[in-house]
């Protein structure tokens, strides 16, 4: 596998990564101006610490790791900066019925676990992440935000609830709904279910 170095990265590649970073940051911060500042700070740090990029991961992964730290630092250091006016999604009973059987157990006929496990080698493919991004972007904004805060930024419950101005119960409900919708979407788009 060819290692990427910062010296040979094209401007087009950098611009694609920057747009993806900005999109992700806006989802978390909800303010495009602050998001742009955080992305720019991440790029400044990347340039400042170029020698630490050893090519063991892709440039995009390395840049997103820097950005993740910037976002977490920002969220931890700031009080509530934006008003959250997102509405709850309607009842998700239909979604639950698609995934679980009458006893509340995983519906094997709908989603075969062997299909999920057989994707270990392909899960990191570009196509999978494109589909995952599509599924994530089609979640309601609050669900996508709390899912990424928990799964990617690894923020704790208290911090997410405070930042989003929601209760613990509301957080768990939104995480549950987000995971179910991602499972359904990936099953349909990736596994062809």
Protein backbone atom coordinates (compact mmCIF):
# COMPACT_ATOMS: atom_id res chain seq x y z
CA UNK A 1 0.00 0.00 0.00
CA UNK A 2 1.39 3.35 -1.02
CA UNK A 3 1.90 5.79 1.85
CA UNK A 4 0.64 9.32 1.38
CA UNK A 5 2.93 12.19 2.18
CA UNK A 6 1.88 15.77 2.58
CA UNK A 7 4.31 16.91 -0.12
CA UNK A 8 2.51 15.09 -2.92
CA UNK A 9 -1.13 15.83 -2.07
CA UNK A 10 -2.96 17.79 -4.74
CA UNK A 11 -4.95 20.92 -4.06
CA UNK A 12 -8.10 19.14 -5.28
CA UNK A 13 -7.63 16.38 -2.69
CA UNK A 14 -7.11 18.93 0.07
CA UNK A 15 -10.24 20.83 -1.01
CA UNK A 16 -12.34 17.63 -0.98
CA UNK A 17 -11.11 16.81 2.54
CA UNK A 18 -11.74 20.41 3.67
CA UNK A 19 -15.35 20.30 2.44
CA UNK A 20 -15.96 16.99 4.22
CA UNK A 21 -14.41 18.36 7.40
CA UNK A 22 -16.53 21.51 7.20
CA UNK A 23 -19.72 19.51 6.64
CA UNK A 24 -18.95 17.32 9.65
CA UNK A 25 -18.07 20.31 11.84
CA UNK A 26 -21.22 22.24 10.95
CA UNK A 27 -23.24 19.18 11.97
CA UNK A 28 -21.61 19.31 15.41
CA UNK A 29 -21.22 23.04 16.04
CA UNK A 30 -24.29 24.35 14.19
CA UNK A 31 -22.53 27.64 13.37
CA UNK A 32 -20.85 27.79 9.93
CA UNK A 33 -18.46 30.58 10.97
CA UNK A 34 -17.18 28.75 14.04
CA UNK A 35 -17.05 25.53 12.03
CA UNK A 36 -14.89 27.19 9.38
CA UNK A 37 -12.56 28.51 12.10
CA UNK A 38 -12.18 25.04 13.61
CA UNK A 39 -11.45 23.49 10.21
CA UNK A 40 -8.87 26.19 9.51
CA UNK A 41 -7.29 25.60 12.94
CA UNK A 42 -7.08 21.90 12.11
CA UNK A 43 -5.30 22.71 8.84
CA UNK A 44 -2.91 25.09 10.62
CA UNK A 45 -2.06 22.36 13.13
CA UNK A 46 -1.60 19.84 10.33
CA UNK A 47 0.87 22.16 8.61
CA UNK A 48 2.59 22.93 11.89
CA UNK A 49 3.04 19.25 12.74
CA UNK A 50 3.63 17.88 9.24
CA UNK A 51 6.56 15.80 10.50
CA UNK A 52 4.19 13.79 12.75
CA UNK A 53 2.29 12.46 9.71
CA UNK A 54 4.01 9.15 9.03
CA UNK A 55 1.59 7.84 6.44
CA UNK A 56 0.40 5.00 8.68
CA UNK A 57 -3.16 6.14 8.05
CA UNK A 58 -4.70 8.08 5.21
CA UNK A 59 -4.30 11.84 5.14
CA UNK A 60 -8.06 12.21 5.59
CA UNK A 61 -8.05 10.04 8.73
CA UNK A 62 -5.14 12.04 10.18
CA UNK A 63 -6.81 15.38 9.39
CA UNK A 64 -10.11 14.26 10.90
CA UNK A 65 -8.29 13.15 14.07
CA UNK A 66 -6.89 16.67 14.42
CA UNK A 67 -10.34 18.15 13.73
CA UNK A 68 -11.98 15.82 16.24
CA UNK A 69 -9.69 17.15 18.96
CA UNK A 70 -10.47 20.74 17.95
CA UNK A 71 -14.22 20.10 18.11
CA UNK A 72 -14.02 18.33 21.46
CA UNK A 73 -11.88 21.16 22.90
CA UNK A 74 -14.37 23.73 21.59
CA UNK A 75 -17.40 21.90 22.97
CA UNK A 76 -15.78 21.42 26.36
CA UNK A 77 -14.62 25.01 26.66
CA UNK A 78 -17.83 26.74 25.61
CA UNK A 79 -21.17 27.05 27.28
CA UNK A 80 -24.29 26.69 25.21
CA UNK A 81 -23.66 28.87 22.14
CA UNK A 82 -26.60 28.03 19.92
CA UNK A 83 -30.31 27.60 20.46
CA UNK A 84 -31.53 24.18 19.51
CA UNK A 85 -34.92 24.31 17.80
CA UNK A 86 -35.13 20.87 16.29
CA UNK A 87 -38.37 18.96 16.70
CA UNK A 88 -38.69 15.37 17.72
CA UNK A 89 -39.28 12.95 14.89
CA UNK A 90 -42.62 11.20 14.78
CA UNK A 91 -43.12 7.83 16.39
CA UNK A 92 -40.60 5.24 15.28
CA UNK A 93 -42.87 2.21 15.80
CA UNK A 94 -42.72 1.25 12.10
CA UNK A 95 -38.91 1.35 12.16
CA UNK A 96 -38.77 -0.87 15.27
CA UNK A 97 -41.11 -3.38 13.66
CA UNK A 98 -38.81 -3.59 10.63
CA UNK A 99 -35.79 -4.56 12.73
CA UNK A 100 -37.15 -6.62 15.64
CA UNK A 101 -39.56 -9.55 15.76
CA UNK A 102 -42.66 -9.80 18.01
CA UNK A 103 -40.57 -10.93 20.99
CA UNK A 104 -38.29 -7.89 20.66
CA UNK A 105 -35.40 -9.92 19.24
CA UNK A 106 -33.31 -9.11 16.17
CA UNK A 107 -35.22 -10.19 13.05
CA UNK A 108 -32.83 -12.64 11.39
CA UNK A 109 -34.85 -12.75 8.19
CA UNK A 110 -34.63 -8.98 7.72
CA UNK A 111 -30.94 -8.53 8.49
CA UNK A 112 -28.59 -11.45 8.35
CA UNK A 113 -25.71 -11.04 10.83
CA UNK A 114 -23.46 -13.10 8.55
CA UNK A 115 -23.80 -10.37 5.92
CA UNK A 116 -22.63 -7.78 8.44
CA UNK A 117 -19.72 -9.94 9.58
CA UNK A 118 -18.62 -10.80 6.04
CA UNK A 119 -18.01 -7.12 5.38
CA UNK A 120 -15.00 -6.93 7.73
CA UNK A 121 -12.64 -6.72 4.77
CA UNK A 122 -14.79 -4.27 2.81
CA UNK A 123 -16.09 -2.06 5.62
CA UNK A 124 -13.31 0.44 5.09
CA UNK A 125 -13.86 0.71 1.40
CA UNK A 126 -14.60 4.08 -0.06
CA UNK A 127 -18.01 2.95 -1.27
CA UNK A 128 -19.11 1.81 2.20
CA UNK A 129 -18.18 5.15 3.76
CA UNK A 130 -19.97 7.01 0.98
CA UNK A 131 -23.11 5.03 1.73
CA UNK A 132 -22.66 5.48 5.48
CA UNK A 133 -22.28 9.23 4.93
CA UNK A 134 -25.47 9.22 2.85
CA UNK A 135 -27.34 7.37 5.60
CA UNK A 136 -25.97 9.66 8.30
CA UNK A 137 -26.88 12.79 6.33
CA UNK A 138 -30.46 11.54 5.96
CA UNK A 139 -30.98 11.25 9.70
CA UNK A 140 -32.88 14.07 11.40
CA UNK A 141 -30.30 16.71 12.46
CA UNK A 142 -30.52 16.09 16.21
CA UNK A 143 -30.15 12.33 15.77
CA UNK A 144 -27.13 12.72 13.49
CA UNK A 145 -25.55 15.22 15.87
CA UNK A 146 -25.91 13.14 19.05
CA UNK A 147 -24.86 9.98 17.22
CA UNK A 148 -21.61 11.62 16.06
CA UNK A 149 -21.02 13.27 19.44
CA UNK A 150 -21.28 9.87 21.14
CA UNK A 151 -19.72 7.58 18.52
CA UNK A 152 -17.06 9.74 16.91
CA UNK A 153 -16.29 12.52 19.38
CA UNK A 154 -16.76 10.09 22.31
CA UNK A 155 -18.41 12.71 24.51
CA UNK A 156 -20.14 11.56 27.68
CA UNK A 157 -23.89 11.65 28.28
CA UNK A 158 -23.82 14.69 30.56
CA UNK A 159 -21.84 16.77 28.08
CA UNK A 160 -24.03 15.84 25.10
CA UNK A 161 -27.22 16.59 27.05
CA UNK A 162 -25.88 19.96 28.18
CA UNK A 163 -24.63 20.91 24.70
CA UNK A 164 -27.88 19.91 22.97
CA UNK A 165 -30.15 21.02 25.81
CA UNK A 166 -31.91 17.66 26.03
CA UNK A 167 -32.66 15.20 28.81
CA UNK A 168 -30.82 11.92 29.27
CA UNK A 169 -33.95 10.05 28.20
CA UNK A 170 -34.21 12.18 25.08
CA UNK A 171 -30.54 11.49 24.29
CA UNK A 172 -30.99 7.73 24.60
CA UNK A 173 -34.15 7.87 22.49
CA UNK A 174 -32.35 9.80 19.75
CA UNK A 175 -29.33 7.47 19.84
CA UNK A 176 -31.63 4.46 19.63
CA UNK A 177 -33.52 5.92 16.67
CA UNK A 178 -30.30 6.95 14.92
CA UNK A 179 -28.80 3.47 15.24
CA UNK A 180 -31.96 1.80 14.00
CA UNK A 181 -32.25 4.11 11.02
CA UNK A 182 -28.57 3.63 10.17
CA UNK A 183 -29.03 -0.14 10.36
CA UNK A 184 -32.05 -0.03 8.08
CA UNK A 185 -30.40 2.36 5.63
CA UNK A 186 -27.13 0.38 5.48
CA UNK A 187 -29.04 -2.87 5.11
CA UNK A 188 -30.94 -1.47 2.15
CA UNK A 189 -28.17 0.55 0.47
CA UNK A 190 -25.07 -1.51 1.29
CA UNK A 191 -26.32 -5.08 1.72
CA UNK A 192 -29.17 -4.76 -0.75
CA UNK A 193 -31.79 -5.94 1.77
